[in-house]
Amino acid sequence: MGELVERVDEHDRVLGVVDRDEAIANRLLHRVATTVCRDPEGRILVHRRQRHLSRFPGQYNWLIGGAADVGESYEQAAARELAEELGVRAPVRFLFKFLCHGVISPYWLGVHEAVITEDIAPDPSEIAWHGWVAEREMRDALRRWPFVPDGVEALERYLADPTR
């Protein structure tokens, strides 16, 4: 078996455990946790995915994250992914979750925010490039660069969220 995830229903209730590749192939709902990384000036971290990755190769993203492991909360998964992908430990703040229909599979997407105050060390096997972008420049970046489609929907929700 590969990466195990919890299969969930349309209300985000756990139904069982499945292999993530099986969840994607059969379009089974599962959980993904992501984090919007901001620096102390409020800029958002944007990165380009490596070209060899199986999902969204070479595309840009403004979220750091991945599937929640079995028994892991959205917040725990978001913090773990920050450590794995950026080499940083930072408190994550849950913002919202929504049922993302996804390009390759549907899933529940938990969106968090973290202020990154230390130097990051992006995992070179996942991240080819990174930079900090002012929030007001994000819409322009979306027009110029090929972004992960699911991230575009999350960005619209993030920018409209009055609680952040």
C-alpha atoms as a PDB file:
ATOM      1  CA  MET A   1       0.000   0.000   0.000  1.00  0.00           C
ATOM      2  CA  GLY A   2       1.065   3.563  -0.638  1.00  0.00           C
ATOM      3  CA  GLU A   3      -0.107   6.632   1.233  1.00  0.00           C
ATOM      4  CA  LEU A   4      -3.144   5.867   3.397  1.00  0.00           C
ATOM      5  CA  VAL A   5      -5.891   8.457   3.848  1.00  0.00           C
ATOM      6  CA  GLU A   6      -9.280   8.551   5.473  1.00  0.00           C
ATOM      7  CA  ARG A   7     -12.183   8.239   3.087  1.00  0.00           C
ATOM      8  CA  VAL A   8     -14.864  10.731   4.161  1.00  0.00           C
ATOM      9  CA  ASP A   9     -18.413  11.575   3.133  1.00  0.00           C
ATOM     10  CA  GLU A  10     -20.011  14.790   1.893  1.00  0.00           C
ATOM     11  CA  HIS A  11     -20.164  15.984   5.529  1.00  0.00           C
ATOM     12  CA  ASP A  12     -16.467  15.191   6.160  1.00  0.00           C
ATOM     13  CA  ARG A  13     -17.259  12.188   8.368  1.00  0.00           C
ATOM     14  CA  VAL A  14     -14.797   9.285   8.263  1.00  0.00           C
ATOM     15  CA  LEU A  15     -16.034   6.193   6.415  1.00  0.00           C
ATOM     16  CA  GLY A  16     -12.830   4.148   6.349  1.00  0.00           C
ATOM     17  CA  VAL A  17      -9.207   4.043   5.237  1.00  0.00           C
ATOM     18  CA  VAL A  18      -8.051   3.782   1.615  1.00  0.00           C
ATOM     19  CA  ASP A  19      -4.891   4.196  -0.401  1.00  0.00           C
ATOM     20  CA  ARG A  20      -4.681   7.764  -1.719  1.00  0.00           C
ATOM     21  CA  ASP A  21      -4.123   6.581  -5.300  1.00  0.00           C
ATOM     22  CA  GLU A  22      -7.311   4.502  -4.961  1.00  0.00           C
ATOM     23  CA  ALA A  23      -9.182   7.522  -3.569  1.00  0.00           C
ATOM     24  CA  ILE A  24      -8.099   9.598  -6.550  1.00  0.00           C
ATOM     25  CA  ALA A  25      -8.743   6.864  -9.147  1.00  0.00           C
ATOM     26  CA  ASN A  26     -12.238   6.206  -7.778  1.00  0.00           C
ATOM     27  CA  ARG A  27     -12.985   9.861  -6.946  1.00  0.00           C
ATOM     28  CA  LEU A  28     -13.491   9.076  -3.251  1.00  0.00           C
ATOM     29  CA  LEU A  29     -13.630  12.023  -0.891  1.00  0.00           C
ATOM     30  CA  HIS A  30     -10.626  12.378   1.407  1.00  0.00           C
ATOM     31  CA  ARG A  31      -8.908  15.257   3.259  1.00  0.00           C
ATOM     32  CA  VAL A  32      -6.199  17.654   2.136  1.00  0.00           C
ATOM     33  CA  ALA A  33      -4.664  20.330   4.380  1.00  0.00           C
ATOM     34  CA  THR A  34      -2.968  23.429   3.017  1.00  0.00           C
ATOM     35  CA  THR A  35      -1.366  26.565   4.384  1.00  0.00           C
ATOM     36  CA  VAL A  36      -1.099  30.093   3.075  1.00  0.00           C
ATOM     37  CA  CYS A  37       2.399  31.205   4.077  1.00  0.00           C
ATOM     38  CA  ARG A  38       2.887  34.895   4.722  1.00  0.00           C
ATOM     39  CA  ASP A  39       6.033  36.733   5.697  1.00  0.00           C
ATOM     40  CA  PRO A  40       6.007  39.465   8.396  1.00  0.00           C
ATOM     41  CA  GLU A  41       5.277  42.075   5.682  1.00  0.00           C
ATOM     42  CA  GLY A  42       2.135  40.183   4.654  1.00  0.00           C
ATOM     43  CA  ARG A  43       3.436  38.854   1.337  1.00  0.00           C
ATOM     44  CA  ILE A  44       2.305  35.407   0.192  1.00  0.00           C
ATOM     45  CA  LEU A  45       4.700  32.614  -0.670  1.00  0.00           C
ATOM     46  CA  VAL A  46       4.279  31.380  -4.244  1.00  0.00           C
ATOM     47  CA  HIS A  47       6.161  28.398  -5.610  1.00  0.00           C
ATOM     48  CA  ARG A  48       6.543  26.417  -8.814  1.00  0.00           C
ATOM     49  CA  ARG A  49       6.201  22.665  -8.570  1.00  0.00           C
ATOM     50  CA  GLN A  50       8.909  20.431  -9.990  1.00  0.00           C
ATOM     51  CA  ARG A  51       8.273  19.210 -13.546  1.00  0.00           C
ATOM     52  CA  HIS A  52       8.663  15.522 -12.637  1.00  0.00           C
ATOM     53  CA  LEU A  53       5.793  15.492 -10.111  1.00  0.00           C
ATOM     54  CA  SER A  54       2.768  13.360 -11.006  1.00  0.00           C
ATOM     55  CA  ARG A  55       0.245  16.001  -9.967  1.00  0.00           C
ATOM     56  CA  PHE A  56       0.353  19.471 -11.570  1.00  0.00           C
ATOM     57  CA  PRO A  57       3.967  19.297 -12.812  1.00  0.00           C
ATOM     58  CA  GLY A  58       5.634  22.671 -13.340  1.00  0.00           C
ATOM     59  CA  GLN A  59       2.568  24.633 -12.236  1.00  0.00           C
ATOM     60  CA  TYR A  60       2.572  27.427  -9.675  1.00  0.00           C
ATOM     61  CA  ASN A  61       0.832  27.271  -6.335  1.00  0.00           C
ATOM     62  CA  TRP A  62       0.329  29.618  -3.420  1.00  0.00           C
ATOM     63  CA  LEU A  63      -0.558  26.834  -0.971  1.00  0.00           C
ATOM     64  CA  ILE A  64       1.738  24.394   0.811  1.00  0.00           C
ATOM     65  CA  GLY A  65       0.117  21.123   1.729  1.00  0.00           C
ATOM     66  CA  GLY A  66      -0.952  17.600   1.041  1.00  0.00           C
ATOM     67  CA  ALA A  67      -3.201  14.776   2.118  1.00  0.00           C
ATOM     68  CA  ALA A  68      -4.004  14.370   5.798  1.00  0.00           C
ATOM     69  CA  ASP A  69      -2.712  11.092   7.186  1.00  0.00           C
ATOM     70  CA  VAL A  70      -5.031   8.627   8.916  1.00  0.00           C
ATOM     71  CA  GLY A  71      -6.039  10.019  12.321  1.00  0.00           C
ATOM     72  CA  GLU A  72      -4.457  13.410  11.617  1.00  0.00           C
ATOM     73  CA  SER A  73      -6.420  16.660  12.015  1.00  0.00           C
ATOM     74  CA  TYR A  74      -6.330  19.319   9.336  1.00  0.00           C
ATOM     75  CA  GLU A  75      -4.133  21.473  11.593  1.00  0.00           C
ATOM     76  CA  GLN A  76      -1.686  18.622  12.297  1.00  0.00           C
ATOM     77  CA  ALA A  77      -1.431  17.812   8.594  1.00  0.00           C
ATOM     78  CA  ALA A  78      -0.875  21.470   7.683  1.00  0.00           C
ATOM     79  CA  ALA A  79       1.935  21.833  10.243  1.00  0.00           C
ATOM     80  CA  ARG A  80       3.546  18.558   9.125  1.00  0.00           C
ATOM     81  CA  GLU A  81       3.462  19.610   5.471  1.00  0.00           C
ATOM     82  CA  LEU A  82       5.113  22.956   6.329  1.00  0.00           C
ATOM     83  CA  ALA A  83       7.966  21.089   7.982  1.00  0.00           C
ATOM     84  CA  GLU A  84       8.299  18.586   5.140  1.00  0.00           C
ATOM     85  CA  GLU A  85       8.043  20.984   2.216  1.00  0.00           C
ATOM     86  CA  LEU A  86       9.615  24.167   3.626  1.00  0.00           C
ATOM     87  CA  GLY A  87      11.706  22.941   6.548  1.00  0.00           C
ATOM     88  CA  VAL A  88       9.968  25.289   8.989  1.00  0.00           C
ATOM     89  CA  ARG A  89       7.920  24.871  12.125  1.00  0.00           C
ATOM     90  CA  ALA A  90       5.312  27.567  12.529  1.00  0.00           C
ATOM     91  CA  PRO A  91       1.908  27.759  14.195  1.00  0.00           C
ATOM     92  CA  VAL A  92      -0.897  27.290  11.679  1.00  0.00           C
ATOM     93  CA  ARG A  93      -4.281  28.933  12.089  1.00  0.00           C
ATOM     94  CA  PHE A  94      -7.308  27.169  10.624  1.00  0.00           C
ATOM     95  CA  LEU A  95      -9.323  29.493   8.383  1.00  0.00           C
ATOM     96  CA  PHE A  96     -11.941  27.399   6.589  1.00  0.00           C
ATOM     97  CA  LYS A  97     -12.608  24.171   4.737  1.00  0.00           C
ATOM     98  CA  PHE A  98     -14.688  23.440   1.688  1.00  0.00           C
ATOM     99  CA  LEU A  99     -15.587  20.582  -0.582  1.00  0.00           C
ATOM    100  CA  CYS A 100     -13.261  21.063  -3.534  1.00  0.00           C
ATOM    101  CA  HIS A 101     -14.414  19.202  -6.622  1.00  0.00           C
ATOM    102  CA  GLY A 102     -10.819  19.080  -7.820  1.00  0.00           C
ATOM    103  CA  VAL A 103      -9.370  18.581 -11.259  1.00  0.00           C
ATOM    104  CA  ILE A 104      -8.199  15.023 -10.586  1.00  0.00           C
ATOM    105  CA  SER A 105     -10.458  14.065  -7.668  1.00  0.00           C
ATOM    106  CA  PRO A 106     -12.833  15.641  -5.152  1.00  0.00           C
ATOM    107  CA  TYR A 107     -11.647  16.246  -1.576  1.00  0.00           C
ATOM    108  CA  TRP A 108     -12.236  18.331   1.506  1.00  0.00           C
ATOM    109  CA  LEU A 109      -9.683  21.149   1.534  1.00  0.00           C
ATOM    110  CA  GLY A 110      -8.696  22.684   4.865  1.00  0.00           C
ATOM    111  CA  VAL A 111      -7.078  26.097   4.428  1.00  0.00           C
ATOM    112  CA  HIS A 112      -4.776  27.490   7.123  1.00  0.00           C
ATOM    113  CA  GLU A 113      -2.524  30.505   7.463  1.00  0.00           C
ATOM    114  CA  ALA A 114       0.942  30.838   8.990  1.00  0.00           C
ATOM    115  CA  VAL A 115       3.367  33.708   9.354  1.00  0.00           C
ATOM    116  CA  ILE A 116       6.847  32.482   8.468  1.00  0.00           C
ATOM    117  CA  THR A 117       9.564  34.378  10.299  1.00  0.00           C
ATOM    118  CA  GLU A 118      12.498  32.048   9.726  1.00  0.00           C
ATOM    119  CA  ASP A 119      14.390  31.222   6.556  1.00  0.00           C
ATOM    120  CA  ILE A 120      12.720  28.518   4.528  1.00  0.00           C
ATOM    121  CA  ALA A 121      14.489  25.536   2.964  1.00  0.00           C
ATOM    122  CA  PRO A 122      12.100  24.271   0.267  1.00  0.00           C
ATOM    123  CA  ASP A 123      12.267  20.569  -0.538  1.00  0.00           C
ATOM    124  CA  PRO A 124      14.024  20.543  -3.932  1.00  0.00           C
ATOM    125  CA  SER A 125      12.254  17.320  -4.911  1.00  0.00           C
ATOM    126  CA  GLU A 126       8.931  19.195  -4.757  1.00  0.00           C
ATOM    127  CA  ILE A 127       9.661  22.907  -5.242  1.00  0.00           C
ATOM    128  CA  ALA A 128      11.613  24.242  -8.221  1.00  0.00           C
ATOM    129  CA  TRP A 129      11.291  27.971  -7.423  1.00  0.00           C
ATOM    130  CA  HIS A 130       9.718  30.186  -4.765  1.00  0.00           C
ATOM    131  CA  GLY A 131       9.173  33.877  -4.101  1.00  0.00           C
ATOM    132  CA  TRP A 132       7.127  36.247  -1.966  1.00  0.00           C
ATOM    133  CA  VAL A 133       4.276  38.113  -3.716  1.00  0.00           C
ATOM    134  CA  ALA A 134       2.198  40.995  -2.356  1.00  0.00           C
ATOM    135  CA  GLU A 135      -1.496  40.112  -2.010  1.00  0.00           C
ATOM    136  CA  ARG A 136      -2.449  42.907  -4.401  1.00  0.00           C
ATOM    137  CA  GLU A 137      -0.206  41.286  -7.058  1.00  0.00           C
ATOM    138  CA  MET A 138      -1.727  37.805  -6.764  1.00  0.00           C
ATOM    139  CA  ARG A 139      -4.447  38.348  -9.377  1.00  0.00           C
ATOM    140  CA  ASP A 140      -1.818  39.513 -11.869  1.00  0.00           C
ATOM    141  CA  ALA A 141       0.303  36.443 -11.075  1.00  0.00           C
ATOM    142  CA  LEU A 142      -2.745  34.245 -11.781  1.00  0.00           C
ATOM    143  CA  ARG A 143      -2.979  35.754 -15.270  1.00  0.00           C
ATOM    144  CA  ARG A 144       0.753  35.421 -15.991  1.00  0.00           C
ATOM    145  CA  TRP A 145       1.615  31.986 -14.596  1.00  0.00           C
ATOM    146  CA  PRO A 146      -0.074  28.589 -14.902  1.00  0.00           C
ATOM    147  CA  PHE A 147      -1.445  27.948 -11.408  1.00  0.00           C
ATOM    148  CA  VAL A 148      -2.764  24.693  -9.981  1.00  0.00           C
ATOM    149  CA  PRO A 149      -6.488  25.016 -10.815  1.00  0.00           C
ATOM    150  CA  ASP A 150      -7.739  23.886  -7.395  1.00  0.00           C
ATOM    151  CA  GLY A 151      -5.596  26.595  -5.799  1.00  0.00           C
ATOM    152  CA  VAL A 152      -7.304  29.276  -7.868  1.00  0.00           C
ATOM    153  CA  GLU A 153     -10.676  28.374  -6.352  1.00  0.00           C
ATOM    154  CA  ALA A 154      -9.133  28.379  -2.871  1.00  0.00           C
ATOM    155  CA  LEU A 155      -7.569  31.812  -3.507  1.00  0.00           C
ATOM    156  CA  GLU A 156     -10.934  33.320  -4.425  1.00  0.00           C
ATOM    157  CA  ARG A 157     -12.414  31.972  -1.193  1.00  0.00           C
ATOM    158  CA  TYR A 158      -9.388  33.136   0.815  1.00  0.00           C
ATOM    159  CA  LEU A 159      -9.514  36.698  -0.512  1.00  0.00           C
ATOM    160  CA  ALA A 160     -13.263  36.862   0.208  1.00  0.00           C
ATOM    161  CA  ASP A 161     -12.945  35.442   3.748  1.00  0.00           C
ATOM    162  CA  PRO A 162     -13.855  38.198   6.249  1.00  0.00           C
ATOM    163  CA  THR A 163     -12.372  36.272   9.197  1.00  0.00           C
ATOM    164  CA  ARG A 164      -8.738  36.500   8.087  1.00  0.00           C
END
